[in-house]
Each structure stands twice: as C-alpha cells, then as structure tokens.
C-alpha cells in the first residue's frame, strides 16, 4: 500500500513538468509569403509545437529549431545561422529582412 501512495505522489508531482513541456506558445503552425524582389515561388515556414520546424524556399527544405525569446521568434537553422523574426501586429504575422531576398512578411495559414 505504501508503494501505491508513493507512486501516486510521484505522478502528481511530475504533472506540472509534463504540462510545461507540452505548452504551446500560439506561434505553432504554417506561415507563407512572398519576398519583394524575389521572383520564385512562395516562402513557407512550418513551426511545430516541439520547437522544431522547417523553412521552404525555391523547392528546398531546411530543418530548424525555433524559440520565442525577447519578444521575437528566433530560428536556429541546421546550417548554423540564426534568423531573428519580428512578431508583428496583427497577430499571426512575421516580418524579417533576409540578405539576397529582401523584406519578407509571412502570414499564418492555420
């Protein structure tokens, strides 16, 4: 009986940790847009709730990690670069300037 009580106490203590790991920031989803001065197709950013995602441009996909930090969205590319994205009003809009691409605004699709 003591083991059952100890197990229940441990389970209750671990619930906040479990829910903290599952917490969503509201940024998860698919974003798309087109850069001014960029003749090719749409740019798409996928943000998953586990902090992973991918960036798609010109038919190529790049995996990334993401986090919300200091009021901005930080994209950590697998190649080693970091892109800091401004969270714009209206909610669901991301703004950035990429070298060689120009200003870019992405809107949330889902």
PDB file of N, CA and C in Angstrom:
ATOM      1  N   UNK A   1       0.819  -1.195   0.000  1.00  0.00           N
ATOM      2  CA  UNK A   1       0.000   0.000   0.000  1.00  0.00           C
ATOM      3  C   UNK A   1       0.859   1.254   0.000  1.00  0.00           C
ATOM      4  N   UNK A   2       2.008   1.197   0.701  1.00  0.00           N
ATOM      5  CA  UNK A   2       2.895   2.360   0.731  1.00  0.00           C
ATOM      6  C   UNK A   2       3.451   2.666  -0.652  1.00  0.00           C
ATOM      7  N   UNK A   3       3.707   1.614  -1.434  1.00  0.00           N
ATOM      8  CA  UNK A   3       4.236   1.812  -2.776  1.00  0.00           C
ATOM      9  C   UNK A   3       3.222   2.512  -3.669  1.00  0.00           C
ATOM     10  N   UNK A   4       1.979   2.164  -3.517  1.00  0.00           N
ATOM     11  CA  UNK A   4       0.926   2.795  -4.322  1.00  0.00           C
ATOM     12  C   UNK A   4       0.831   4.282  -3.988  1.00  0.00           C
ATOM     13  N   UNK A   5       0.883   4.616  -2.703  1.00  0.00           N
ATOM     14  CA  UNK A   5       0.824   6.020  -2.285  1.00  0.00           C
ATOM     15  C   UNK A   5       2.048   6.781  -2.783  1.00  0.00           C
ATOM     16  N   UNK A   6       3.205   6.156  -2.715  1.00  0.00           N
ATOM     17  CA  UNK A   6       4.429   6.809  -3.186  1.00  0.00           C
ATOM     18  C   UNK A   6       4.368   7.029  -4.698  1.00  0.00           C
ATOM     19  N   UNK A   7       3.882   6.046  -5.430  1.00  0.00           N
ATOM     20  CA  UNK A   7       3.767   6.172  -6.879  1.00  0.00           C
ATOM     21  C   UNK A   7       2.787   7.275  -7.249  1.00  0.00           C
ATOM     22  N   UNK A   8       1.651   7.347  -6.576  1.00  0.00           N
ATOM     23  CA  UNK A   8       0.655   8.400  -6.834  1.00  0.00           C
ATOM     24  C   UNK A   8       1.227   9.789  -6.540  1.00  0.00           C
ATOM     25  N   UNK A   9       1.969   9.904  -5.447  1.00  0.00           N
ATOM     26  CA  UNK A   9       2.583  11.190  -5.102  1.00  0.00           C
ATOM     27  C   UNK A   9       3.589  11.597  -6.172  1.00  0.00           C
ATOM     28  N   UNK A  10       4.395  10.659  -6.653  1.00  0.00           N
ATOM     29  CA  UNK A  10       5.370  10.938  -7.697  1.00  0.00           C
ATOM     30  C   UNK A  10       4.669  11.351  -8.999  1.00  0.00           C
ATOM     31  N   UNK A  11       3.597  10.668  -9.325  1.00  0.00           N
ATOM     32  CA  UNK A  11       2.850  11.005 -10.540  1.00  0.00           C
ATOM     33  C   UNK A  11       2.270  12.411 -10.454  1.00  0.00           C
ATOM     34  N   UNK A  12       1.728  12.765  -9.299  1.00  0.00           N
ATOM     35  CA  UNK A  12       1.168  14.109  -9.135  1.00  0.00           C
ATOM     36  C   UNK A  12       2.240  15.189  -9.200  1.00  0.00           C
ATOM     37  N   UNK A  13       3.410  14.902  -8.651  1.00  0.00           N
ATOM     38  CA  UNK A  13       4.497  15.873  -8.689  1.00  0.00           C
ATOM     39  C   UNK A  13       5.061  16.068 -10.098  1.00  0.00           C
ATOM     40  N   UNK A  14       4.973  15.056 -10.942  1.00  0.00           N
ATOM     41  CA  UNK A  14       5.525  15.156 -12.293  1.00  0.00           C
ATOM     42  C   UNK A  14       4.546  15.783 -13.288  1.00  0.00           C
ATOM     43  N   UNK A  15       3.275  15.937 -12.934  1.00  0.00           N
ATOM     44  CA  UNK A  15       2.307  16.524 -13.856  1.00  0.00           C
ATOM     45  C   UNK A  15       2.667  17.941 -14.307  1.00  0.00           C
ATOM     46  N   UNK A  16       3.062  18.852 -13.410  1.00  0.00           N
ATOM     47  CA  UNK A  16       3.429  20.193 -13.884  1.00  0.00           C
ATOM     48  C   UNK A  16       4.582  20.187 -14.880  1.00  0.00           C
ATOM     49  N   UNK A  17       5.547  19.298 -14.693  1.00  0.00           N
ATOM     50  CA  UNK A  17       6.661  19.206 -15.633  1.00  0.00           C
ATOM     51  C   UNK A  17       6.164  18.727 -16.983  1.00  0.00           C
ATOM     52  N   UNK A  18       5.285  17.732 -16.992  1.00  0.00           N
ATOM     53  CA  UNK A  18       4.731  17.212 -18.238  1.00  0.00           C
ATOM     54  C   UNK A  18       3.978  18.296 -18.986  1.00  0.00           C
ATOM     55  N   UNK A  19       3.108  19.031 -18.308  1.00  0.00           N
ATOM     56  CA  UNK A  19       2.326  20.067 -18.978  1.00  0.00           C
ATOM     57  C   UNK A  19       3.185  21.248 -19.405  1.00  0.00           C
ATOM     58  N   UNK A  20       4.249  21.550 -18.691  1.00  0.00           N
ATOM     59  CA  UNK A  20       5.156  22.629 -19.106  1.00  0.00           C
ATOM     60  C   UNK A  20       5.840  22.274 -20.416  1.00  0.00           C
ATOM     61  N   UNK A  21       6.176  21.008 -20.592  1.00  0.00           N
ATOM     62  CA  UNK A  21       6.819  20.573 -21.832  1.00  0.00           C
ATOM     63  C   UNK A  21       5.842  20.584 -23.001  1.00  0.00           C
ATOM     64  N   UNK A  22       4.575  20.415 -22.741  1.00  0.00           N
ATOM     65  CA  UNK A  22       3.559  20.369 -23.788  1.00  0.00           C
ATOM     66  C   UNK A  22       2.944  21.739 -24.093  1.00  0.00           C
ATOM     67  N   UNK A  23       3.332  22.754 -23.358  1.00  0.00           N
ATOM     68  CA  UNK A  23       2.749  24.087 -23.503  1.00  0.00           C
ATOM     69  C   UNK A  23       3.014  24.625 -24.899  1.00  0.00           C
ATOM     70  N   UNK A  24       2.023  25.276 -25.457  1.00  0.00           N
ATOM     71  CA  UNK A  24       2.153  25.872 -26.767  1.00  0.00           C
ATOM     72  C   UNK A  24       2.214  27.382 -26.630  1.00  0.00           C
ATOM     73  N   UNK A  25       2.955  28.008 -27.526  1.00  0.00           N
ATOM     74  CA  UNK A  25       3.130  29.452 -27.459  1.00  0.00           C
ATOM     75  C   UNK A  25       2.130  30.207 -28.320  1.00  0.00           C
ATOM     76  N   UNK A  26       1.397  29.521 -29.163  1.00  0.00           N
ATOM     77  CA  UNK A  26       0.486  30.185 -30.084  1.00  0.00           C
ATOM     78  C   UNK A  26       1.145  30.513 -31.411  1.00  0.00           C
ATOM     79  N   UNK A  27       2.440  30.285 -31.524  1.00  0.00           N
ATOM     80  CA  UNK A  27       3.156  30.554 -32.773  1.00  0.00           C
ATOM     81  C   UNK A  27       3.186  29.342 -33.693  1.00  0.00           C
ATOM     82  N   UNK A  28       2.828  28.181 -33.192  1.00  0.00           N
ATOM     83  CA  UNK A  28       2.878  26.965 -33.981  1.00  0.00           C
ATOM     84  C   UNK A  28       1.968  27.098 -35.195  1.00  0.00           C
ATOM     85  N   UNK A  29       2.398  26.504 -36.300  1.00  0.00           N
ATOM     86  CA  UNK A  29       1.564  26.497 -37.498  1.00  0.00           C
ATOM     87  C   UNK A  29       2.386  26.706 -38.756  1.00  0.00           C
ATOM     88  N   UNK A  30       1.669  26.975 -39.835  1.00  0.00           N
ATOM     89  CA  UNK A  30       2.285  27.168 -41.145  1.00  0.00           C
ATOM     90  C   UNK A  30       2.137  28.636 -41.530  1.00  0.00           C
ATOM     91  N   UNK A  31       3.251  29.250 -41.953  1.00  0.00           N
ATOM     92  CA  UNK A  31       3.277  30.643 -42.388  1.00  0.00           C
ATOM     93  C   UNK A  31       3.761  30.678 -43.830  1.00  0.00           C
ATOM     94  N   UNK A  32       3.215  31.579 -44.634  1.00  0.00           N
ATOM     95  CA  UNK A  32       3.692  31.699 -46.006  1.00  0.00           C
ATOM     96  C   UNK A  32       3.662  33.152 -46.450  1.00  0.00           C
ATOM     97  N   UNK A  33       4.449  33.430 -47.462  1.00  0.00           N
ATOM     98  CA  UNK A  33       4.517  34.771 -48.012  1.00  0.00           C
ATOM     99  C   UNK A  33       5.456  34.804 -49.191  1.00  0.00           C
ATOM    100  N   UNK A  34       5.610  35.994 -49.758  1.00  0.00           N
ATOM    101  CA  UNK A  34       6.483  36.179 -50.902  1.00  0.00           C
ATOM    102  C   UNK A  34       7.323  37.420 -50.652  1.00  0.00           C
ATOM    103  N   UNK A  35       8.622  37.299 -50.847  1.00  0.00           N
ATOM    104  CA  UNK A  35       9.519  38.434 -50.631  1.00  0.00           C
ATOM    105  C   UNK A  35       9.441  39.378 -51.821  1.00  0.00           C
ATOM    106  N   UNK A  36       9.502  40.670 -51.532  1.00  0.00           N
ATOM    107  CA  UNK A  36       9.553  41.634 -52.627  1.00  0.00           C
ATOM    108  C   UNK A  36      10.896  41.492 -53.323  1.00  0.00           C
ATOM    109  N   UNK A  37      10.887  41.490 -54.628  1.00  0.00           N
ATOM    110  CA  UNK A  37      12.126  41.351 -55.382  1.00  0.00           C
ATOM    111  C   UNK A  37      12.597  39.917 -55.536  1.00  0.00           C
ATOM    112  N   UNK A  38      11.811  38.952 -55.111  1.00  0.00           N
ATOM    113  CA  UNK A  38      12.187  37.546 -55.242  1.00  0.00           C
ATOM    114  C   UNK A  38      11.221  36.913 -56.238  1.00  0.00           C
ATOM    115  N   UNK A  39      11.721  36.513 -57.396  1.00  0.00           N
ATOM    116  CA  UNK A  39      10.868  36.068 -58.494  1.00  0.00           C
ATOM    117  C   UNK A  39      10.329  34.654 -58.337  1.00  0.00           C
ATOM    118  N   UNK A  40      10.887  33.861 -57.466  1.00  0.00           N
ATOM    119  CA  UNK A  40      10.468  32.463 -57.386  1.00  0.00           C
ATOM    120  C   UNK A  40       9.233  32.289 -56.522  1.00  0.00           C
ATOM    121  N   UNK A  41       8.913  31.056 -56.215  1.00  0.00           N
ATOM    122  CA  UNK A  41       7.689  30.717 -55.504  1.00  0.00           C
ATOM    123  C   UNK A  41       7.624  31.206 -54.074  1.00  0.00           C
ATOM    124  N   UNK A  42       6.586  30.771 -53.412  1.00  0.00           N
ATOM    125  CA  UNK A  42       6.329  31.194 -52.036  1.00  0.00           C
ATOM    126  C   UNK A  42       7.381  30.677 -51.074  1.00  0.00           C
ATOM    127  N   UNK A  43       7.523  31.420 -50.005  1.00  0.00           N
ATOM    128  CA  UNK A  43       8.355  31.022 -48.881  1.00  0.00           C
ATOM    129  C   UNK A  43       7.414  30.480 -47.823  1.00  0.00           C
ATOM    130  N   UNK A  44       7.752  29.333 -47.243  1.00  0.00           N
ATOM    131  CA  UNK A  44       6.883  28.700 -46.256  1.00  0.00           C
ATOM    132  C   UNK A  44       7.710  28.358 -45.023  1.00  0.00           C
ATOM    133  N   UNK A  45       7.148  28.663 -43.857  1.00  0.00           N
ATOM    134  CA  UNK A  45       7.773  28.347 -42.579  1.00  0.00           C
ATOM    135  C   UNK A  45       6.800  27.491 -41.795  1.00  0.00           C
ATOM    136  N   UNK A  46       7.257  26.317 -41.366  1.00  0.00           N
ATOM    137  CA  UNK A  46       6.450  25.407 -40.556  1.00  0.00           C
ATOM    138  C   UNK A  46       7.032  25.387 -39.144  1.00  0.00           C
ATOM    139  N   UNK A  47       6.222  25.715 -38.139  1.00  0.00           N
ATOM    140  CA  UNK A  47       6.644  25.681 -36.745  1.00  0.00           C
ATOM    141  C   UNK A  47       5.836  24.622 -36.009  1.00  0.00           C
ATOM    142  N   UNK A  48       6.504  23.620 -35.468  1.00  0.00           N
ATOM    143  CA  UNK A  48       5.842  22.552 -34.724  1.00  0.00           C
ATOM    144  C   UNK A  48       5.864  22.885 -33.238  1.00  0.00           C
ATOM    145  N   UNK A  49       4.963  22.279 -32.487  1.00  0.00           N
ATOM    146  CA  UNK A  49       4.867  22.593 -31.056  1.00  0.00           C
ATOM    147  C   UNK A  49       6.011  22.019 -30.226  1.00  0.00           C
ATOM    148  N   UNK A  50       6.882  21.216 -30.814  1.00  0.00           N
ATOM    149  CA  UNK A  50       8.023  20.666 -30.075  1.00  0.00           C
ATOM    150  C   UNK A  50       9.286  21.507 -30.250  1.00  0.00           C
ATOM    151  N   UNK A  51       9.162  22.697 -30.857  1.00  0.00           N
ATOM    152  CA  UNK A  51      10.314  23.573 -31.056  1.00  0.00           C
ATOM    153  C   UNK A  51      11.108  23.271 -32.313  1.00  0.00           C
ATOM    154  N   UNK A  52      10.620  22.350 -33.116  1.00  0.00           N
ATOM    155  CA  UNK A  52      11.261  22.031 -34.390  1.00  0.00           C
ATOM    156  C   UNK A  52      10.424  22.621 -35.518  1.00  0.00           C
ATOM    157  N   UNK A  53      11.002  22.657 -36.692  1.00  0.00           N
ATOM    158  CA  UNK A  53      10.277  23.160 -37.837  1.00  0.00           C
ATOM    159  C   UNK A  53      11.107  23.032 -39.090  1.00  0.00           C
ATOM    160  N   UNK A  54      10.638  23.693 -40.157  1.00  0.00           N
ATOM    161  CA  UNK A  54      11.386  23.705 -41.412  1.00  0.00           C
ATOM    162  C   UNK A  54      11.035  24.950 -42.208  1.00  0.00           C
ATOM    163  N   UNK A  55      11.973  25.368 -43.012  1.00  0.00           N
ATOM    164  CA  UNK A  55      11.886  26.544 -43.849  1.00  0.00           C
ATOM    165  C   UNK A  55      11.941  26.055 -45.282  1.00  0.00           C
ATOM    166  N   UNK A  56      10.983  26.447 -46.121  1.00  0.00           N
ATOM    167  CA  UNK A  56      10.961  26.010 -47.515  1.00  0.00           C
ATOM    168  C   UNK A  56      11.018  27.226 -48.429  1.00  0.00           C
ATOM    169  N   UNK A  57      11.974  27.218 -49.346  1.00  0.00           N
ATOM    170  CA  UNK A  57      12.116  28.277 -50.337  1.00  0.00           C
ATOM    171  C   UNK A  57      12.699  27.667 -51.602  1.00  0.00           C
ATOM    172  N   UNK A  58      12.149  28.043 -52.736  1.00  0.00           N
ATOM    173  CA  UNK A  58      12.618  27.540 -54.028  1.00  0.00           C
ATOM    174  C   UNK A  58      12.659  26.017 -54.093  1.00  0.00           C
ATOM    175  N   UNK A  59      11.699  25.358 -53.467  1.00  0.00           N
ATOM    176  CA  UNK A  59      11.616  23.904 -53.506  1.00  0.00           C
ATOM    177  C   UNK A  59      12.592  23.186 -52.590  1.00  0.00           C
ATOM    178  N   UNK A  60      13.390  23.928 -51.842  1.00  0.00           N
ATOM    179  CA  UNK A  60      14.333  23.313 -50.907  1.00  0.00           C
ATOM    180  C   UNK A  60      13.833  23.493 -49.481  1.00  0.00           C
ATOM    181  N   UNK A  61      14.034  22.480 -48.666  1.00  0.00           N
ATOM    182  CA  UNK A  61      13.576  22.496 -47.285  1.00  0.00           C
ATOM    183  C   UNK A  61      14.775  22.452 -46.348  1.00  0.00           C
ATOM    184  N   UNK A  62      14.769  23.308 -45.340  1.00  0.00           N
ATOM    185  CA  UNK A  62      15.840  23.360 -44.350  1.00  0.00           C
ATOM    186  C   UNK A  62      15.255  23.139 -42.968  1.00  0.00           C
ATOM    187  N   UNK A  63      15.718  22.113 -42.231  1.00  0.00           N
ATOM    188  CA  UNK A  63      15.225  21.913 -40.868  1.00  0.00           C
ATOM    189  C   UNK A  63      15.743  23.013 -39.944  1.00  0.00           C
ATOM    190  N   UNK A  64      14.984  23.284 -38.895  1.00  0.00           N
ATOM    191  CA  UNK A  64      15.383  24.308 -37.940  1.00  0.00           C
ATOM    192  C   UNK A  64      14.793  24.016 -36.574  1.00  0.00           C
ATOM    193  N   UNK A  65      15.326  24.729 -35.586  1.00  0.00           N
ATOM    194  CA  UNK A  65      14.740  24.775 -34.249  1.00  0.00           C
ATOM    195  C   UNK A  65      14.259  26.194 -34.057  1.00  0.00           C
ATOM    196  N   UNK A  66      13.227  26.389 -33.253  1.00  0.00           N
ATOM    197  CA  UNK A  66      12.740  27.742 -33.024  1.00  0.00           C
ATOM    198  C   UNK A  66      12.397  27.948 -31.562  1.00  0.00           C
ATOM    199  N   UNK A  67      12.437  29.213 -31.166  1.00  0.00           N
ATOM    200  CA  UNK A  67      12.058  29.584 -29.808  1.00  0.00           C
ATOM    201  C   UNK A  67      11.598  31.037 -29.812  1.00  0.00           C
ATOM    202  N   UNK A  68      10.743  31.346 -28.866  1.00  0.00           N
ATOM    203  CA  UNK A  68      10.344  32.728 -28.664  1.00  0.00           C
ATOM    204  C   UNK A  68      11.260  33.282 -27.580  1.00  0.00           C
ATOM    205  N   UNK A  69      11.981  34.362 -27.925  1.00  0.00           N
ATOM    206  CA  UNK A  69      12.940  34.937 -26.981  1.00  0.00           C
ATOM    207  C   UNK A  69      12.954  36.450 -27.146  1.00  0.00           C
ATOM    208  N   UNK A  70      12.890  37.162 -26.035  1.00  0.00           N
ATOM    209  CA  UNK A  70      12.967  38.615 -26.008  1.00  0.00           C
ATOM    210  C   UNK A  70      11.948  39.264 -26.946  1.00  0.00           C
ATOM    211  N   UNK A  71      10.744  38.720 -26.988  1.00  0.00           N
ATOM    212  CA  UNK A  71       9.677  39.280 -27.804  1.00  0.00           C
ATOM    213  C   UNK A  71       9.836  39.065 -29.291  1.00  0.00           C
ATOM    214  N   UNK A  72      10.703  38.139 -29.687  1.00  0.00           N
ATOM    215  CA  UNK A  72      10.917  37.842 -31.103  1.00  0.00           C
ATOM    216  C   UNK A  72      10.956  36.326 -31.294  1.00  0.00           C
ATOM    217  N   UNK A  73      10.872  35.909 -32.524  1.00  0.00           N
ATOM    218  CA  UNK A  73      10.974  34.498 -32.886  1.00  0.00           C
ATOM    219  C   UNK A  73      12.383  34.256 -33.402  1.00  0.00           C
ATOM    220  N   UNK A  74      13.112  33.350 -32.764  1.00  0.00           N
ATOM    221  CA  UNK A  74      14.473  33.025 -33.169  1.00  0.00           C
ATOM    222  C   UNK A  74      14.450  31.690 -33.908  1.00  0.00           C
ATOM    223  N   UNK A  75      14.937  31.698 -35.140  1.00  0.00           N
ATOM    224  CA  UNK A  75      15.022  30.498 -35.959  1.00  0.00           C
ATOM    225  C   UNK A  75      16.483  30.061 -36.008  1.00  0.00           C
ATOM    226  N   UNK A  76      16.778  28.888 -35.481  1.00  0.00           N
ATOM    227  CA  UNK A  76      18.135  28.336 -35.469  1.00  0.00           C
ATOM    228  C   UNK A  76      18.219  27.327 -36.623  1.00  0.00           C
ATOM    229  N   UNK A  77      18.884  27.705 -37.697  1.00  0.00           N
ATOM    230  CA  UNK A  77      18.993  26.847 -38.865  1.00  0.00           C
ATOM    231  C   UNK A  77      20.027  25.748 -38.641  1.00  0.00           C
ATOM    232  N   UNK A  78      19.792  24.613 -39.256  1.00  0.00           N
ATOM    233  CA  UNK A  78      20.702  23.478 -39.099  1.00  0.00           C
ATOM    234  C   UNK A  78      22.097  23.819 -39.599  1.00  0.00           C
ATOM    235  N   UNK A  79      22.189  24.703 -40.590  1.00  0.00           N
ATOM    236  CA  UNK A  79      23.484  25.092 -41.145  1.00  0.00           C
ATOM    237  C   UNK A  79      24.281  25.974 -40.187  1.00  0.00           C
ATOM    238  N   UNK A  80      23.661  26.412 -39.093  1.00  0.00           N
ATOM    239  CA  UNK A  80      24.380  27.182 -38.092  1.00  0.00           C
ATOM    240  C   UNK A  80      23.963  28.629 -37.963  1.00  0.00           C
ATOM    241  N   UNK A  81      23.169  29.138 -38.864  1.00  0.00           N
ATOM    242  CA  UNK A  81      22.746  30.524 -38.778  1.00  0.00           C
ATOM    243  C   UNK A  81      21.534  30.703 -37.881  1.00  0.00           C
ATOM    244  N   UNK A  82      21.328  31.947 -37.462  1.00  0.00           N
ATOM    245  CA  UNK A  82      20.159  32.305 -36.671  1.00  0.00           C
ATOM    246  C   UNK A  82      19.465  33.475 -37.364  1.00  0.00           C
ATOM    247  N   UNK A  83      18.162  33.353 -37.519  1.00  0.00           N
ATOM    248  CA  UNK A  83      17.348  34.432 -38.074  1.00  0.00           C
ATOM    249  C   UNK A  83      16.418  34.903 -36.968  1.00  0.00           C
ATOM    250  N   UNK A  84      16.460  36.207 -36.679  1.00  0.00           N
ATOM    251  CA  UNK A  84      15.573  36.781 -35.673  1.00  0.00           C
ATOM    252  C   UNK A  84      14.413  37.434 -36.412  1.00  0.00           C
ATOM    253  N   UNK A  85      13.203  36.987 -36.083  1.00  0.00           N
ATOM    254  CA  UNK A  85      11.994  37.417 -36.772  1.00  0.00           C
ATOM    255  C   UNK A  85      11.162  38.283 -35.832  1.00  0.00           C
ATOM    256  N   UNK A  86      10.672  39.394 -36.350  1.00  0.00           N
ATOM    257  CA  UNK A  86       9.830  40.286 -35.554  1.00  0.00           C
ATOM    258  C   UNK A  86       8.390  39.793 -35.582  1.00  0.00           C
ATOM    259  N   UNK A  87       7.769  39.728 -34.405  1.00  0.00           N
ATOM    260  CA  UNK A  87       6.359  39.363 -34.300  1.00  0.00           C
ATOM    261  C   UNK A  87       5.557  40.641 -34.508  1.00  0.00           C
ATOM    262  N   UNK A  88       4.878  40.745 -35.625  1.00  0.00           N
ATOM    263  CA  UNK A  88       4.186  41.980 -35.991  1.00  0.00           C
ATOM    264  C   UNK A  88       2.722  41.924 -35.593  1.00  0.00           C
ATOM    265  N   UNK A  89       2.157  43.123 -35.396  1.00  0.00           N
ATOM    266  CA  UNK A  89       0.705  43.210 -35.208  1.00  0.00           C
ATOM    267  C   UNK A  89       0.126  43.219 -36.607  1.00  0.00           C
ATOM    268  N   UNK A  90      -0.808  42.700 -37.083  1.00  0.00           N
ATOM    269  CA  UNK A  90      -1.768  41.827 -36.442  1.00  0.00           C
ATOM    270  C   UNK A  90      -1.140  40.478 -36.093  1.00  0.00           C
ATOM    271  N   UNK A  91      -1.683  39.886 -35.072  1.00  0.00           N
ATOM    272  CA  UNK A  91      -1.174  38.596 -34.614  1.00  0.00           C
ATOM    273  C   UNK A  91      -1.229  37.594 -35.760  1.00  0.00           C
ATOM    274  N   UNK A  92      -0.206  36.778 -35.850  1.00  0.00           N
ATOM    275  CA  UNK A  92      -0.128  35.799 -36.934  1.00  0.00           C
ATOM    276  C   UNK A  92       0.681  36.306 -38.104  1.00  0.00           C
ATOM    277  N   UNK A  93       1.388  37.432 -37.931  1.00  0.00           N
ATOM    278  CA  UNK A  93       2.228  37.988 -38.983  1.00  0.00           C
ATOM    279  C   UNK A  93       3.666  38.067 -38.487  1.00  0.00           C
ATOM    280  N   UNK A  94       4.587  37.587 -39.310  1.00  0.00           N
ATOM    281  CA  UNK A  94       6.013  37.615 -39.003  1.00  0.00           C
ATOM    282  C   UNK A  94       6.718  38.486 -40.036  1.00  0.00           C
ATOM    283  N   UNK A  95       7.660  39.322 -39.589  1.00  0.00           N
ATOM    284  CA  UNK A  95       8.399  40.190 -40.504  1.00  0.00           C
ATOM    285  C   UNK A  95       9.887  40.010 -40.311  1.00  0.00           C
ATOM    286  N   UNK A  96      10.621  40.023 -41.438  1.00  0.00           N
ATOM    287  CA  UNK A  96      12.075  39.901 -41.386  1.00  0.00           C
ATOM    288  C   UNK A  96      12.661  40.451 -42.674  1.00  0.00           C
ATOM    289  N   UNK A  97      13.957  40.647 -42.679  1.00  0.00           N
ATOM    290  CA  UNK A  97      14.695  41.021 -43.884  1.00  0.00           C
ATOM    291  C   UNK A  97      15.808  39.997 -44.061  1.00  0.00           C
ATOM    292  N   UNK A  98      15.829  39.336 -45.205  1.00  0.00           N
ATOM    293  CA  UNK A  98      16.834  38.305 -45.471  1.00  0.00           C
ATOM    294  C   UNK A  98      17.813  38.801 -46.527  1.00  0.00           C
ATOM    295  N   UNK A  99      19.101  38.630 -46.293  1.00  0.00           N
ATOM    296  CA  UNK A  99      20.085  39.025 -47.301  1.00  0.00           C
ATOM    297  C   UNK A  99      19.850  38.278 -48.611  1.00  0.00           C
ATOM    298  N   UNK A 100      19.869  39.003 -49.705  1.00  0.00           N
ATOM    299  CA  UNK A 100      19.657  38.398 -51.016  1.00  0.00           C
ATOM    300  C   UNK A 100      18.204  38.133 -51.355  1.00  0.00           C
ATOM    301  N   UNK A 101      17.318  38.300 -50.393  1.00  0.00           N
ATOM    302  CA  UNK A 101      15.887  38.071 -50.621  1.00  0.00           C
ATOM    303  C   UNK A 101      15.118  39.369 -50.429  1.00  0.00           C
ATOM    304  N   UNK A 102      15.461  40.129 -49.423  1.00  0.00           N
ATOM    305  CA  UNK A 102      14.792  41.397 -49.141  1.00  0.00           C
ATOM    306  C   UNK A 102      13.788  41.282 -48.018  1.00  0.00           C
ATOM    307  N   UNK A 103      12.958  42.339 -47.863  1.00  0.00           N
ATOM    308  CA  UNK A 103      11.940  42.313 -46.803  1.00  0.00           C
ATOM    309  C   UNK A 103      10.929  41.208 -47.045  1.00  0.00           C
ATOM    310  N   UNK A 104      10.499  40.619 -45.976  1.00  0.00           N
ATOM    311  CA  UNK A 104       9.599  39.470 -46.081  1.00  0.00           C
ATOM    312  C   UNK A 104       8.547  39.542 -44.982  1.00  0.00           C
ATOM    313  N   UNK A 105       7.317  39.304 -45.356  1.00  0.00           N
ATOM    314  CA  UNK A 105       6.225  39.227 -44.382  1.00  0.00           C
ATOM    315  C   UNK A 105       5.535  37.889 -44.591  1.00  0.00           C
ATOM    316  N   UNK A 106       5.453  37.125 -43.513  1.00  0.00           N
ATOM    317  CA  UNK A 106       4.784  35.818 -43.554  1.00  0.00           C
ATOM    318  C   UNK A 106       3.506  35.893 -42.745  1.00  0.00           C
ATOM    319  N   UNK A 107       2.447  35.320 -43.285  1.00  0.00           N
ATOM    320  CA  UNK A 107       1.160  35.295 -42.577  1.00  0.00           C
ATOM    321  C   UNK A 107       0.813  33.858 -42.242  1.00  0.00           C
ATOM    322  N   UNK A 108       0.216  33.706 -41.064  1.00  0.00           N
ATOM    323  CA  UNK A 108      -0.159  32.366 -40.591  1.00  0.00           C
ATOM    324  C   UNK A 108      -1.331  31.854 -41.402  1.00  0.00           C
ATOM    325  N   UNK A 109      -1.226  30.581 -41.836  1.00  0.00           N
ATOM    326  CA  UNK A 109      -2.261  29.958 -42.664  1.00  0.00           C
ATOM    327  C   UNK A 109      -3.254  29.135 -41.866  1.00  0.00           C
ATOM    328  N   UNK A 110      -2.841  28.575 -40.738  1.00  0.00           N
ATOM    329  CA  UNK A 110      -3.745  27.700 -39.978  1.00  0.00           C
ATOM    330  C   UNK A 110      -3.745  28.052 -38.516  1.00  0.00           C
TER     331      UNK A 110
END
